[in-house]
Amino acid sequence: MCGRYCLDKPRAELQQLLRSWLRPEDSAWLEHYAPRELIRPQEPVLAVRREHGEDRLSHMLWGLLPGWVKDPLQAPRPINARAETIAEKASFRGPWRHHRCLLPSTGFFEKGHLIQRKDRQLFWLAGVWDRWIGPDGSEVETCCVITTQPNSLVAPLHDRMPVIIPEGLESIWLEPGDGAHRRALEPMLTPAPAEPWDCRALKPTAVPANKHQQLSLLD
């Protein structure tokens, strides 16, 4: 399970890392960007998605609201989708086919520990997203993180970990395709190798209790 993560790069460094996806209209939110040491469910998150043949940065709410839901106030809002069943479950199979996304991150939390790359560089959490459109035409875009079996570093902490897309394969992950293409993506849904990562324990107050915990269990 991935229930909290961070994106704490300074603005100038984030701009450099995301330069190939940035557009002139992104300058507005970049001016208000601040590093985030803790990102919780139901908060806005930064994502890269492909729509109408173009990869773009977008802000979404973390907690998937499928487009077919009639009452958004009563619907579950899962923050995780299991890689093993993502193609089967009603909430996820449409987004898995058509709406994959990438969430930039600098670390994720499990059981009071922070897992980061040893070089402290940004990495990509694999996700899916959807758009809910209300009767009045209002739109809400939401996403969730795909999880898989843990690697040897995470296994002592939890029986799940987020899927991490290898550097250089971002475009392949976002590319639309048929069933054969999705099957070709399946090797990416396996645990990231443990060697490039490290894990450090945090003080109990460093990771506040998640007030949306009831939602985080819906993977």
N, C-alpha and C. Protein backbone atom coordinates (compact mmCIF):
# COMPACT_ATOMS: atom_id res chain seq x y z
N MET A 1 0.84 -1.20 0.00
CA MET A 1 0.00 0.00 0.00
C MET A 1 0.87 1.24 0.00
N CYS A 2 0.52 2.21 -0.78
CA CYS A 2 1.18 3.52 -0.74
C CYS A 2 0.15 4.52 -0.25
N GLY A 3 0.27 4.96 1.00
CA GLY A 3 -0.72 5.85 1.59
C GLY A 3 -0.24 7.26 1.81
N ARG A 4 1.06 7.49 1.64
CA ARG A 4 1.64 8.83 1.76
C ARG A 4 2.94 8.85 0.97
N TYR A 5 3.22 9.97 0.35
CA TYR A 5 4.51 10.13 -0.33
C TYR A 5 4.89 11.59 -0.30
N CYS A 6 6.02 11.93 -0.90
CA CYS A 6 6.48 13.32 -0.87
C CYS A 6 7.03 13.73 -2.23
N LEU A 7 7.04 15.04 -2.44
CA LEU A 7 7.66 15.66 -3.61
C LEU A 7 8.28 16.95 -3.10
N ASP A 8 9.53 16.86 -2.67
CA ASP A 8 10.13 17.99 -1.97
C ASP A 8 11.28 18.64 -2.73
N LYS A 9 11.28 18.52 -4.06
CA LYS A 9 12.28 19.21 -4.85
C LYS A 9 12.02 20.72 -4.86
N PRO A 10 13.06 21.54 -4.77
CA PRO A 10 12.88 22.98 -4.94
C PRO A 10 12.32 23.28 -6.33
N ARG A 11 11.67 24.43 -6.46
CA ARG A 11 10.99 24.76 -7.70
C ARG A 11 11.91 24.74 -8.92
N ALA A 12 13.08 25.36 -8.81
CA ALA A 12 13.98 25.43 -9.96
C ALA A 12 14.41 24.03 -10.41
N GLU A 13 14.67 23.17 -9.44
CA GLU A 13 15.08 21.80 -9.78
C GLU A 13 13.93 21.02 -10.39
N LEU A 14 12.71 21.21 -9.86
CA LEU A 14 11.55 20.52 -10.42
C LEU A 14 11.30 20.98 -11.85
N GLN A 15 11.42 22.28 -12.10
CA GLN A 15 11.24 22.78 -13.46
C GLN A 15 12.22 22.13 -14.43
N GLN A 16 13.44 21.96 -13.99
CA GLN A 16 14.44 21.34 -14.85
C GLN A 16 14.10 19.88 -15.12
N LEU A 17 13.66 19.17 -14.10
CA LEU A 17 13.34 17.76 -14.25
C LEU A 17 12.11 17.53 -15.12
N LEU A 18 11.17 18.47 -15.07
CA LEU A 18 9.91 18.32 -15.81
C LEU A 18 9.87 19.16 -17.07
N ARG A 19 11.00 19.66 -17.51
CA ARG A 19 11.02 20.64 -18.60
C ARG A 19 10.36 20.13 -19.89
N SER A 20 10.47 18.85 -20.18
CA SER A 20 9.92 18.34 -21.43
C SER A 20 8.39 18.31 -21.42
N TRP A 21 7.77 18.42 -20.24
CA TRP A 21 6.31 18.40 -20.14
C TRP A 21 5.72 19.78 -19.86
N LEU A 22 6.54 20.73 -19.50
CA LEU A 22 6.02 22.04 -19.12
C LEU A 22 5.55 22.82 -20.35
N ARG A 23 4.46 23.57 -20.17
CA ARG A 23 3.91 24.43 -21.20
C ARG A 23 3.82 25.85 -20.62
N PRO A 24 3.69 26.88 -21.48
CA PRO A 24 3.60 28.26 -20.97
C PRO A 24 2.52 28.44 -19.91
N GLU A 25 1.39 27.76 -20.07
CA GLU A 25 0.30 27.93 -19.11
C GLU A 25 0.60 27.32 -17.75
N ASP A 26 1.67 26.53 -17.65
CA ASP A 26 2.04 25.95 -16.36
C ASP A 26 2.74 26.96 -15.46
N SER A 27 3.08 28.11 -15.97
CA SER A 27 3.81 29.10 -15.17
C SER A 27 3.00 29.56 -13.96
N ALA A 28 1.65 29.56 -14.08
CA ALA A 28 0.81 30.04 -12.98
C ALA A 28 0.95 29.16 -11.74
N TRP A 29 0.80 27.84 -11.90
CA TRP A 29 0.90 26.98 -10.72
C TRP A 29 2.34 26.84 -10.26
N LEU A 30 3.29 26.95 -11.17
CA LEU A 30 4.69 26.86 -10.76
C LEU A 30 5.07 28.00 -9.83
N GLU A 31 4.49 29.16 -10.04
CA GLU A 31 4.78 30.30 -9.17
C GLU A 31 4.32 30.05 -7.74
N HIS A 32 3.31 29.20 -7.59
CA HIS A 32 2.77 28.90 -6.26
C HIS A 32 3.27 27.55 -5.75
N TYR A 33 4.11 26.89 -6.50
CA TYR A 33 4.61 25.58 -6.09
C TYR A 33 5.46 25.71 -4.83
N ALA A 34 5.30 24.76 -3.93
CA ALA A 34 6.16 24.65 -2.74
C ALA A 34 6.48 23.18 -2.53
N PRO A 35 7.71 22.85 -2.15
CA PRO A 35 8.05 21.45 -1.86
C PRO A 35 7.11 20.89 -0.80
N ARG A 36 6.72 19.63 -0.97
CA ARG A 36 5.77 19.00 -0.06
C ARG A 36 6.43 17.76 0.57
N GLU A 37 6.63 17.81 1.85
CA GLU A 37 7.26 16.70 2.56
C GLU A 37 6.28 15.59 2.90
N LEU A 38 5.00 15.87 2.79
CA LEU A 38 3.99 14.85 3.07
C LEU A 38 2.77 15.11 2.20
N ILE A 39 2.44 14.15 1.33
CA ILE A 39 1.26 14.23 0.47
C ILE A 39 0.31 13.14 0.91
N ARG A 40 -0.92 13.53 1.25
CA ARG A 40 -1.91 12.60 1.79
C ARG A 40 -3.01 12.34 0.77
N PRO A 41 -3.77 11.24 0.97
CA PRO A 41 -4.95 10.99 0.15
C PRO A 41 -5.93 12.16 0.19
N GLN A 42 -6.61 12.33 -0.92
CA GLN A 42 -7.61 13.38 -1.15
C GLN A 42 -7.00 14.76 -1.36
N GLU A 43 -5.69 14.87 -1.33
CA GLU A 43 -5.04 16.14 -1.63
C GLU A 43 -4.72 16.22 -3.12
N PRO A 44 -4.54 17.44 -3.66
CA PRO A 44 -4.14 17.57 -5.06
C PRO A 44 -2.72 17.04 -5.26
N VAL A 45 -2.52 16.33 -6.36
CA VAL A 45 -1.20 15.80 -6.68
C VAL A 45 -0.85 16.18 -8.12
N LEU A 46 0.43 16.26 -8.38
CA LEU A 46 0.92 16.55 -9.72
C LEU A 46 1.06 15.24 -10.48
N ALA A 47 0.62 15.22 -11.73
CA ALA A 47 0.68 13.99 -12.53
C ALA A 47 1.01 14.35 -13.98
N VAL A 48 1.58 13.38 -14.68
CA VAL A 48 1.78 13.47 -16.12
C VAL A 48 0.84 12.47 -16.76
N ARG A 49 0.09 12.91 -17.74
CA ARG A 49 -0.84 12.02 -18.44
C ARG A 49 -0.76 12.30 -19.94
N ARG A 50 -1.28 11.39 -20.72
CA ARG A 50 -1.37 11.61 -22.17
C ARG A 50 -2.84 11.69 -22.56
N GLU A 51 -3.18 12.77 -23.23
CA GLU A 51 -4.55 12.95 -23.71
C GLU A 51 -4.51 13.68 -25.04
N HIS A 52 -5.32 13.21 -25.98
CA HIS A 52 -5.34 13.77 -27.33
C HIS A 52 -3.94 13.76 -27.94
N GLY A 53 -3.21 12.70 -27.67
CA GLY A 53 -1.90 12.52 -28.28
C GLY A 53 -0.78 13.36 -27.70
N GLU A 54 -1.03 14.03 -26.59
CA GLU A 54 -0.03 14.92 -26.02
C GLU A 54 0.17 14.62 -24.53
N ASP A 55 1.43 14.55 -24.11
CA ASP A 55 1.75 14.37 -22.69
C ASP A 55 1.73 15.72 -22.00
N ARG A 56 0.98 15.80 -20.91
CA ARG A 56 0.83 17.07 -20.21
C ARG A 56 0.90 16.87 -18.71
N LEU A 57 1.35 17.91 -18.02
CA LEU A 57 1.26 17.96 -16.56
C LEU A 57 -0.14 18.38 -16.15
N SER A 58 -0.61 17.80 -15.07
CA SER A 58 -1.95 18.11 -14.60
C SER A 58 -2.00 17.97 -13.08
N HIS A 59 -2.99 18.58 -12.46
CA HIS A 59 -3.24 18.38 -11.04
C HIS A 59 -4.54 17.60 -10.87
N MET A 60 -4.49 16.58 -10.02
CA MET A 60 -5.64 15.73 -9.77
C MET A 60 -5.77 15.52 -8.27
N LEU A 61 -6.91 15.01 -7.86
CA LEU A 61 -7.10 14.62 -6.46
C LEU A 61 -6.71 13.15 -6.31
N TRP A 62 -6.01 12.84 -5.23
CA TRP A 62 -5.57 11.47 -4.98
C TRP A 62 -6.69 10.69 -4.30
N GLY A 63 -7.27 9.77 -5.03
CA GLY A 63 -8.43 8.98 -4.61
C GLY A 63 -9.35 8.85 -5.80
N LEU A 64 -9.34 7.70 -6.47
CA LEU A 64 -9.98 7.56 -7.78
C LEU A 64 -11.50 7.60 -7.70
N LEU A 65 -12.10 8.46 -8.49
CA LEU A 65 -13.55 8.55 -8.65
C LEU A 65 -13.86 8.15 -10.09
N PRO A 66 -14.32 6.92 -10.32
CA PRO A 66 -14.58 6.47 -11.70
C PRO A 66 -15.62 7.35 -12.39
N GLY A 67 -15.45 7.50 -13.69
CA GLY A 67 -16.35 8.36 -14.45
C GLY A 67 -17.78 7.90 -14.47
N TRP A 68 -18.03 6.60 -14.22
CA TRP A 68 -19.39 6.06 -14.29
C TRP A 68 -20.16 6.18 -12.98
N VAL A 69 -19.52 6.67 -11.92
CA VAL A 69 -20.19 6.78 -10.61
C VAL A 69 -21.33 7.80 -10.69
N LYS A 70 -22.48 7.45 -10.13
CA LYS A 70 -23.63 8.36 -10.14
C LYS A 70 -23.59 9.36 -8.99
N ASP A 71 -23.22 8.90 -7.81
CA ASP A 71 -23.20 9.76 -6.63
C ASP A 71 -21.77 9.83 -6.10
N PRO A 72 -21.05 10.90 -6.39
CA PRO A 72 -19.64 10.98 -5.97
C PRO A 72 -19.47 11.07 -4.46
N LEU A 73 -20.50 11.48 -3.75
CA LEU A 73 -20.40 11.61 -2.30
C LEU A 73 -20.48 10.26 -1.59
N GLN A 74 -21.07 9.28 -2.24
CA GLN A 74 -21.24 7.96 -1.64
C GLN A 74 -20.23 6.93 -2.16
N ALA A 75 -19.56 7.25 -3.24
CA ALA A 75 -18.67 6.28 -3.88
C ALA A 75 -17.36 6.13 -3.11
N PRO A 76 -16.81 4.91 -3.02
CA PRO A 76 -15.46 4.74 -2.47
C PRO A 76 -14.46 5.52 -3.31
N ARG A 77 -13.37 5.94 -2.68
CA ARG A 77 -12.33 6.68 -3.39
C ARG A 77 -10.98 5.99 -3.14
N PRO A 78 -10.74 4.84 -3.76
CA PRO A 78 -9.50 4.10 -3.50
C PRO A 78 -8.27 4.90 -3.90
N ILE A 79 -7.26 4.85 -3.07
CA ILE A 79 -6.00 5.54 -3.38
C ILE A 79 -4.99 4.60 -4.02
N ASN A 80 -5.25 3.29 -3.96
CA ASN A 80 -4.36 2.28 -4.54
C ASN A 80 -5.15 1.33 -5.43
N ALA A 81 -4.48 0.79 -6.43
CA ALA A 81 -5.03 -0.28 -7.26
C ALA A 81 -4.00 -1.40 -7.33
N ARG A 82 -4.41 -2.62 -7.04
CA ARG A 82 -3.47 -3.75 -7.08
C ARG A 82 -3.12 -4.09 -8.54
N ALA A 83 -1.83 -4.22 -8.79
CA ALA A 83 -1.37 -4.56 -10.14
C ALA A 83 -1.96 -5.89 -10.61
N GLU A 84 -2.12 -6.83 -9.68
CA GLU A 84 -2.56 -8.17 -10.04
C GLU A 84 -4.01 -8.20 -10.54
N THR A 85 -4.83 -7.22 -10.13
CA THR A 85 -6.25 -7.25 -10.48
C THR A 85 -6.72 -5.98 -11.19
N ILE A 86 -5.79 -5.14 -11.58
CA ILE A 86 -6.17 -3.83 -12.15
C ILE A 86 -6.95 -3.97 -13.46
N ALA A 87 -6.70 -5.03 -14.21
CA ALA A 87 -7.39 -5.21 -15.49
C ALA A 87 -8.77 -5.83 -15.32
N GLU A 88 -9.11 -6.23 -14.09
CA GLU A 88 -10.36 -6.95 -13.86
C GLU A 88 -11.40 -6.12 -13.11
N LYS A 89 -10.98 -5.33 -12.14
CA LYS A 89 -11.93 -4.64 -11.26
C LYS A 89 -12.58 -3.46 -11.99
N ALA A 90 -13.87 -3.31 -11.74
CA ALA A 90 -14.66 -2.31 -12.47
C ALA A 90 -14.11 -0.90 -12.33
N SER A 91 -13.65 -0.54 -11.15
CA SER A 91 -13.17 0.82 -10.93
C SER A 91 -11.89 1.14 -11.71
N PHE A 92 -11.10 0.09 -12.02
CA PHE A 92 -9.77 0.31 -12.56
C PHE A 92 -9.58 -0.11 -14.01
N ARG A 93 -10.40 -1.02 -14.52
CA ARG A 93 -10.07 -1.58 -15.83
C ARG A 93 -10.18 -0.56 -16.96
N GLY A 94 -11.13 0.39 -16.86
CA GLY A 94 -11.20 1.44 -17.88
C GLY A 94 -9.99 2.36 -17.84
N PRO A 95 -9.66 2.93 -16.67
CA PRO A 95 -8.45 3.74 -16.57
C PRO A 95 -7.18 2.97 -16.96
N TRP A 96 -7.09 1.69 -16.61
CA TRP A 96 -5.91 0.91 -16.99
C TRP A 96 -5.77 0.84 -18.51
N ARG A 97 -6.89 0.75 -19.21
CA ARG A 97 -6.84 0.68 -20.67
C ARG A 97 -6.52 2.04 -21.30
N HIS A 98 -7.08 3.10 -20.75
CA HIS A 98 -7.06 4.37 -21.46
C HIS A 98 -6.40 5.53 -20.71
N HIS A 99 -6.25 5.44 -19.39
CA HIS A 99 -5.84 6.60 -18.60
C HIS A 99 -4.74 6.25 -17.61
N ARG A 100 -3.59 5.86 -18.10
CA ARG A 100 -2.45 5.66 -17.20
C ARG A 100 -1.75 7.00 -16.97
N CYS A 101 -1.11 7.15 -15.82
CA CYS A 101 -0.44 8.40 -15.50
C CYS A 101 0.81 8.13 -14.69
N LEU A 102 1.60 9.18 -14.49
CA LEU A 102 2.83 9.14 -13.71
C LEU A 102 2.77 10.21 -12.65
N LEU A 103 3.13 9.86 -11.43
CA LEU A 103 3.14 10.83 -10.33
C LEU A 103 4.59 11.03 -9.89
N PRO A 104 5.13 12.23 -10.06
CA PRO A 104 6.51 12.47 -9.63
C PRO A 104 6.61 12.43 -8.12
N SER A 105 7.68 11.81 -7.63
CA SER A 105 7.86 11.63 -6.19
C SER A 105 9.34 11.66 -5.85
N THR A 106 9.63 12.01 -4.61
CA THR A 106 10.99 11.91 -4.11
C THR A 106 11.10 10.94 -2.94
N GLY A 107 9.98 10.31 -2.56
CA GLY A 107 10.01 9.33 -1.49
C GLY A 107 8.61 8.88 -1.14
N PHE A 108 8.50 7.67 -0.58
CA PHE A 108 7.20 7.21 -0.10
C PHE A 108 7.37 6.62 1.29
N PHE A 109 6.27 6.60 2.04
CA PHE A 109 6.31 6.22 3.45
C PHE A 109 5.65 4.86 3.67
N GLU A 110 6.26 4.05 4.51
CA GLU A 110 5.67 2.79 4.96
C GLU A 110 6.01 2.59 6.43
N LYS A 111 5.00 2.47 7.27
CA LYS A 111 5.18 2.12 8.68
C LYS A 111 6.24 2.98 9.38
N GLY A 112 6.15 4.29 9.21
CA GLY A 112 7.08 5.18 9.89
C GLY A 112 8.47 5.22 9.30
N HIS A 113 8.63 4.75 8.06
CA HIS A 113 9.91 4.79 7.37
C HIS A 113 9.75 5.53 6.05
N LEU A 114 10.80 6.20 5.64
CA LEU A 114 10.83 6.90 4.36
C LEU A 114 11.75 6.14 3.41
N ILE A 115 11.21 5.76 2.26
CA ILE A 115 11.98 5.04 1.24
C ILE A 115 12.28 6.02 0.11
N GLN A 116 13.56 6.18 -0.20
CA GLN A 116 14.01 7.10 -1.24
C GLN A 116 15.10 6.45 -2.08
N ARG A 117 15.34 7.03 -3.25
CA ARG A 117 16.51 6.62 -4.01
C ARG A 117 17.76 7.04 -3.27
N LYS A 118 18.80 6.24 -3.38
CA LYS A 118 20.05 6.58 -2.71
C LYS A 118 20.63 7.89 -3.23
N ASP A 119 20.40 8.19 -4.52
CA ASP A 119 20.90 9.44 -5.07
C ASP A 119 19.94 10.61 -4.86
N ARG A 120 18.81 10.33 -4.19
CA ARG A 120 17.79 11.33 -3.83
C ARG A 120 17.15 11.99 -5.07
N GLN A 121 17.19 11.32 -6.18
CA GLN A 121 16.58 11.86 -7.39
C GLN A 121 15.09 11.55 -7.44
N LEU A 122 14.38 12.32 -8.25
CA LEU A 122 12.96 12.13 -8.48
C LEU A 122 12.72 10.79 -9.17
N PHE A 123 11.58 10.16 -8.87
CA PHE A 123 11.18 8.94 -9.57
C PHE A 123 9.68 9.00 -9.83
N TRP A 124 9.18 8.03 -10.58
CA TRP A 124 7.79 8.05 -11.04
C TRP A 124 6.98 6.93 -10.40
N LEU A 125 5.94 7.29 -9.68
CA LEU A 125 4.95 6.32 -9.23
C LEU A 125 3.97 6.06 -10.38
N ALA A 126 3.67 4.79 -10.61
CA ALA A 126 2.71 4.44 -11.66
C ALA A 126 1.29 4.63 -11.14
N GLY A 127 0.45 5.23 -11.96
CA GLY A 127 -0.93 5.47 -11.55
C GLY A 127 -1.91 5.34 -12.70
N VAL A 128 -3.18 5.40 -12.36
CA VAL A 128 -4.26 5.53 -13.33
C VAL A 128 -5.14 6.69 -12.89
N TRP A 129 -5.83 7.30 -13.85
CA TRP A 129 -6.66 8.45 -13.54
C TRP A 129 -8.00 8.34 -14.26
N ASP A 130 -8.95 9.15 -13.85
CA ASP A 130 -10.24 9.19 -14.52
C ASP A 130 -10.85 10.58 -14.35
N ARG A 131 -11.85 10.84 -15.17
CA ARG A 131 -12.54 12.15 -15.13
C ARG A 131 -14.02 11.89 -14.87
N TRP A 132 -14.52 12.49 -13.79
CA TRP A 132 -15.95 12.41 -13.49
C TRP A 132 -16.60 13.72 -13.93
N ILE A 133 -17.70 13.61 -14.67
CA ILE A 133 -18.42 14.78 -15.16
C ILE A 133 -19.82 14.78 -14.56
N GLY A 134 -20.15 15.86 -13.85
CA GLY A 134 -21.45 15.96 -13.19
C GLY A 134 -22.55 16.38 -14.14
N PRO A 135 -23.81 16.27 -13.72
CA PRO A 135 -24.94 16.67 -14.56
C PRO A 135 -24.87 18.13 -15.00
N ASP A 136 -24.22 18.97 -14.20
CA ASP A 136 -24.11 20.39 -14.54
C ASP A 136 -22.88 20.69 -15.39
N GLY A 137 -22.15 19.64 -15.79
CA GLY A 137 -20.95 19.83 -16.60
C GLY A 137 -19.68 20.02 -15.80
N SER A 138 -19.76 20.05 -14.48
CA SER A 138 -18.56 20.17 -13.66
C SER A 138 -17.69 18.92 -13.81
N GLU A 139 -16.39 19.10 -13.71
CA GLU A 139 -15.47 17.99 -13.89
C GLU A 139 -14.55 17.84 -12.68
N VAL A 140 -14.27 16.59 -12.33
CA VAL A 140 -13.32 16.27 -11.27
C VAL A 140 -12.37 15.21 -11.81
N GLU A 141 -11.08 15.49 -11.78
CA GLU A 141 -10.08 14.52 -12.22
C GLU A 141 -9.38 13.94 -11.00
N THR A 142 -9.32 12.62 -10.95
CA THR A 142 -8.77 11.93 -9.80
C THR A 142 -7.83 10.82 -10.26
N CYS A 143 -7.03 10.31 -9.32
CA CYS A 143 -6.07 9.27 -9.68
C CYS A 143 -5.83 8.36 -8.49
N CYS A 144 -5.14 7.25 -8.73
CA CYS A 144 -4.67 6.40 -7.66
C CYS A 144 -3.34 5.78 -8.06
N VAL A 145 -2.62 5.27 -7.08
CA VAL A 145 -1.30 4.68 -7.27
C VAL A 145 -1.44 3.17 -7.41
N ILE A 146 -0.74 2.60 -8.36
CA ILE A 146 -0.74 1.15 -8.53
C ILE A 146 0.28 0.54 -7.57
N THR A 147 -0.11 -0.54 -6.90
CA THR A 147 0.80 -1.22 -5.98
C THR A 147 1.10 -2.64 -6.45
N THR A 148 2.19 -3.19 -5.94
CA THR A 148 2.63 -4.53 -6.30
C THR A 148 3.25 -5.21 -5.07
N GLN A 149 3.80 -6.40 -5.27
CA GLN A 149 4.49 -7.09 -4.18
C GLN A 149 5.72 -6.26 -3.75
N PRO A 150 6.13 -6.36 -2.50
CA PRO A 150 7.28 -5.57 -2.04
C PRO A 150 8.61 -6.18 -2.47
N ASN A 151 9.62 -5.33 -2.61
CA ASN A 151 10.97 -5.85 -2.79
C ASN A 151 11.57 -6.17 -1.41
N SER A 152 12.80 -6.61 -1.37
CA SER A 152 13.40 -7.05 -0.10
C SER A 152 13.60 -5.91 0.88
N LEU A 153 13.65 -4.67 0.40
CA LEU A 153 13.80 -3.52 1.29
C LEU A 153 12.49 -3.19 2.00
N VAL A 154 11.39 -3.26 1.26
CA VAL A 154 10.09 -2.87 1.79
C VAL A 154 9.39 -4.02 2.52
N ALA A 155 9.71 -5.25 2.16
CA ALA A 155 8.99 -6.41 2.70
C ALA A 155 8.92 -6.45 4.23
N PRO A 156 9.98 -6.06 4.96
CA PRO A 156 9.86 -6.07 6.43
C PRO A 156 8.84 -5.06 6.97
N LEU A 157 8.47 -4.09 6.14
CA LEU A 157 7.57 -3.02 6.58
C LEU A 157 6.13 -3.26 6.16
N HIS A 158 5.94 -3.80 4.95
CA HIS A 158 4.58 -3.92 4.40
C HIS A 158 4.58 -4.97 3.30
N ASP A 159 3.39 -5.54 3.04
CA ASP A 159 3.30 -6.56 2.00
C ASP A 159 2.95 -5.99 0.63
N ARG A 160 2.95 -4.65 0.52
CA ARG A 160 2.74 -3.98 -0.77
C ARG A 160 3.73 -2.82 -0.88
N MET A 161 3.99 -2.42 -2.13
CA MET A 161 4.76 -1.21 -2.39
C MET A 161 4.27 -0.60 -3.70
N PRO A 162 4.52 0.69 -3.93
CA PRO A 162 4.07 1.28 -5.18
C PRO A 162 4.86 0.76 -6.37
N VAL A 163 4.20 0.68 -7.51
CA VAL A 163 4.89 0.38 -8.77
C VAL A 163 5.67 1.62 -9.17
N ILE A 164 6.94 1.43 -9.51
CA ILE A 164 7.82 2.54 -9.89
C ILE A 164 8.26 2.32 -11.34
N ILE A 165 7.99 3.30 -12.19
CA ILE A 165 8.30 3.18 -13.61
C ILE A 165 9.78 3.50 -13.83
N PRO A 166 10.53 2.60 -14.47
CA PRO A 166 11.96 2.85 -14.70
C PRO A 166 12.19 4.10 -15.56
N GLU A 167 13.26 4.79 -15.24
CA GLU A 167 13.61 5.99 -16.00
C GLU A 167 13.80 5.65 -17.46
N GLY A 168 13.24 6.47 -18.33
CA GLY A 168 13.34 6.26 -19.76
C GLY A 168 12.15 5.55 -20.37
N LEU A 169 11.28 4.99 -19.53
CA LEU A 169 10.11 4.27 -20.03
C LEU A 169 8.80 5.03 -19.79
N GLU A 170 8.92 6.31 -19.47
CA GLU A 170 7.73 7.11 -19.16
C GLU A 170 6.76 7.16 -20.35
N SER A 171 7.28 7.41 -21.53
CA SER A 171 6.41 7.55 -22.70
C SER A 171 5.73 6.23 -23.04
N ILE A 172 6.45 5.12 -22.88
CA ILE A 172 5.85 3.81 -23.15
C ILE A 172 4.71 3.54 -22.19
N TRP A 173 4.89 3.92 -20.93
CA TRP A 173 3.82 3.72 -19.94
C TRP A 173 2.57 4.52 -20.30
N LEU A 174 2.75 5.74 -20.78
CA LEU A 174 1.61 6.60 -21.07
C LEU A 174 0.96 6.29 -22.42
N GLU A 175 1.67 5.61 -23.28
CA GLU A 175 1.19 5.38 -24.65
C GLU A 175 -0.07 4.53 -24.66
N PRO A 176 -1.11 4.98 -25.38
CA PRO A 176 -2.31 4.15 -25.51
C PRO A 176 -2.02 2.96 -26.42
N GLY A 177 -2.79 1.93 -26.27
CA GLY A 177 -2.57 0.75 -27.11
C GLY A 177 -3.61 -0.31 -26.85
N ASP A 178 -3.47 -1.40 -27.58
CA ASP A 178 -4.42 -2.50 -27.47
C ASP A 178 -4.00 -3.46 -26.35
N GLY A 179 -4.66 -4.61 -26.32
CA GLY A 179 -4.36 -5.59 -25.29
C GLY A 179 -2.92 -6.06 -25.32
N ALA A 180 -2.36 -6.18 -26.52
CA ALA A 180 -0.97 -6.61 -26.62
C ALA A 180 -0.03 -5.58 -25.99
N HIS A 181 -0.33 -4.31 -26.18
CA HIS A 181 0.50 -3.27 -25.57
C HIS A 181 0.41 -3.32 -24.05
N ARG A 182 -0.81 -3.51 -23.52
CA ARG A 182 -0.95 -3.57 -22.06
C ARG A 182 -0.23 -4.79 -21.49
N ARG A 183 -0.27 -5.89 -22.22
CA ARG A 183 0.47 -7.07 -21.75
C ARG A 183 1.97 -6.80 -21.75
N ALA A 184 2.43 -5.98 -22.70
CA ALA A 184 3.85 -5.62 -22.74
C ALA A 184 4.24 -4.74 -21.56
N LEU A 185 3.26 -4.06 -20.96
CA LEU A 185 3.53 -3.22 -19.79
C LEU A 185 3.64 -4.01 -18.50
N GLU A 186 3.15 -5.24 -18.50
CA GLU A 186 3.07 -6.01 -17.26
C GLU A 186 4.40 -6.18 -16.54
N PRO A 187 5.55 -6.33 -17.26
CA PRO A 187 6.82 -6.41 -16.52
C PRO A 187 7.12 -5.18 -15.68
N MET A 188 6.53 -4.03 -16.04
CA MET A 188 6.73 -2.82 -15.24
C MET A 188 5.97 -2.88 -13.91
N LEU A 189 5.02 -3.79 -13.80
CA LEU A 189 4.19 -3.88 -12.60
C LEU A 189 4.82 -4.73 -11.50
N THR A 190 6.07 -5.09 -11.68
CA THR A 190 6.80 -5.89 -10.69
C THR A 190 7.58 -4.97 -9.74
N PRO A 191 8.04 -5.49 -8.60
CA PRO A 191 8.74 -4.63 -7.63
C PRO A 191 10.03 -4.05 -8.21
N ALA A 192 10.32 -2.81 -7.86
CA ALA A 192 11.58 -2.18 -8.25
C ALA A 192 12.73 -2.89 -7.53
N PRO A 193 13.88 -3.05 -8.18
CA PRO A 193 15.04 -3.65 -7.50
C PRO A 193 15.38 -2.87 -6.24
N ALA A 194 15.78 -3.56 -5.19
CA ALA A 194 16.03 -2.93 -3.90
C ALA A 194 17.33 -2.14 -3.87
N GLU A 195 18.31 -2.53 -4.66
CA GLU A 195 19.66 -1.98 -4.51
C GLU A 195 19.74 -0.45 -4.63
N PRO A 196 19.03 0.21 -5.58
CA PRO A 196 19.18 1.67 -5.69
C PRO A 196 18.47 2.47 -4.60
N TRP A 197 17.83 1.80 -3.62
CA TRP A 197 16.98 2.48 -2.66
C TRP A 197 17.54 2.35 -1.25
N ASP A 198 17.15 3.29 -0.39
CA ASP A 198 17.44 3.12 1.02
C ASP A 198 16.20 3.49 1.85
N CYS A 199 16.24 3.10 3.10
CA CYS A 199 15.08 3.23 3.97
C CYS A 199 15.55 3.73 5.32
N ARG A 200 14.90 4.77 5.83
CA ARG A 200 15.29 5.28 7.14
C ARG A 200 14.07 5.49 8.01
N ALA A 201 14.22 5.16 9.27
CA ALA A 201 13.13 5.32 10.23
C ALA A 201 12.97 6.80 10.57
N LEU A 202 11.72 7.22 10.75
CA LEU A 202 11.39 8.59 11.09
C LEU A 202 10.89 8.66 12.52
N LYS A 203 10.99 9.82 13.10
CA LYS A 203 10.40 10.03 14.42
C LYS A 203 8.89 9.87 14.31
N PRO A 204 8.24 9.38 15.36
CA PRO A 204 6.80 9.14 15.28
C PRO A 204 6.00 10.36 14.84
N THR A 205 6.45 11.56 15.18
CA THR A 205 5.70 12.76 14.81
C THR A 205 5.98 13.21 13.39
N ALA A 206 6.94 12.57 12.71
CA ALA A 206 7.33 13.02 11.37
C ALA A 206 6.31 12.64 10.32
N VAL A 207 5.52 11.58 10.57
CA VAL A 207 4.49 11.17 9.63
C VAL A 207 3.16 11.16 10.36
N PRO A 208 2.40 12.25 10.29
CA PRO A 208 1.14 12.32 11.03
C PRO A 208 0.18 11.22 10.63
N ALA A 209 -0.71 10.85 11.55
CA ALA A 209 -1.72 9.85 11.25
C ALA A 209 -2.55 10.30 10.07
N ASN A 210 -2.90 9.36 9.21
CA ASN A 210 -3.66 9.67 8.01
C ASN A 210 -5.15 9.70 8.33
N LYS A 211 -5.75 10.88 8.27
CA LYS A 211 -7.16 11.00 8.62
C LYS A 211 -8.05 10.33 7.59
N HIS A 212 -7.49 9.94 6.42
CA HIS A 212 -8.26 9.25 5.39
C HIS A 212 -7.93 7.77 5.38
N GLN A 213 -7.53 7.23 6.50
CA GLN A 213 -7.08 5.84 6.55
C GLN A 213 -8.14 4.88 6.04
N GLN A 214 -9.42 5.17 6.29
CA GLN A 214 -10.48 4.27 5.86
C GLN A 214 -10.49 4.14 4.34
N LEU A 215 -10.01 5.16 3.63
CA LEU A 215 -9.98 5.11 2.18
C LEU A 215 -8.74 4.38 1.68
N SER A 216 -7.66 4.44 2.44
CA SER A 216 -6.41 3.85 1.97
C SER A 216 -6.46 2.34 1.96
N LEU A 217 -7.47 1.74 2.57
CA LEU A 217 -7.53 0.29 2.62
C LEU A 217 -8.28 -0.29 1.42
N LEU A 218 -8.71 0.53 0.50
CA LEU A 218 -9.54 0.07 -0.60
C LEU A 218 -8.72 -0.26 -1.85
N ASP A 219 -7.58 -0.91 -1.71
CA ASP A 219 -6.84 -1.30 -2.91
C ASP A 219 -7.27 -2.71 -3.27
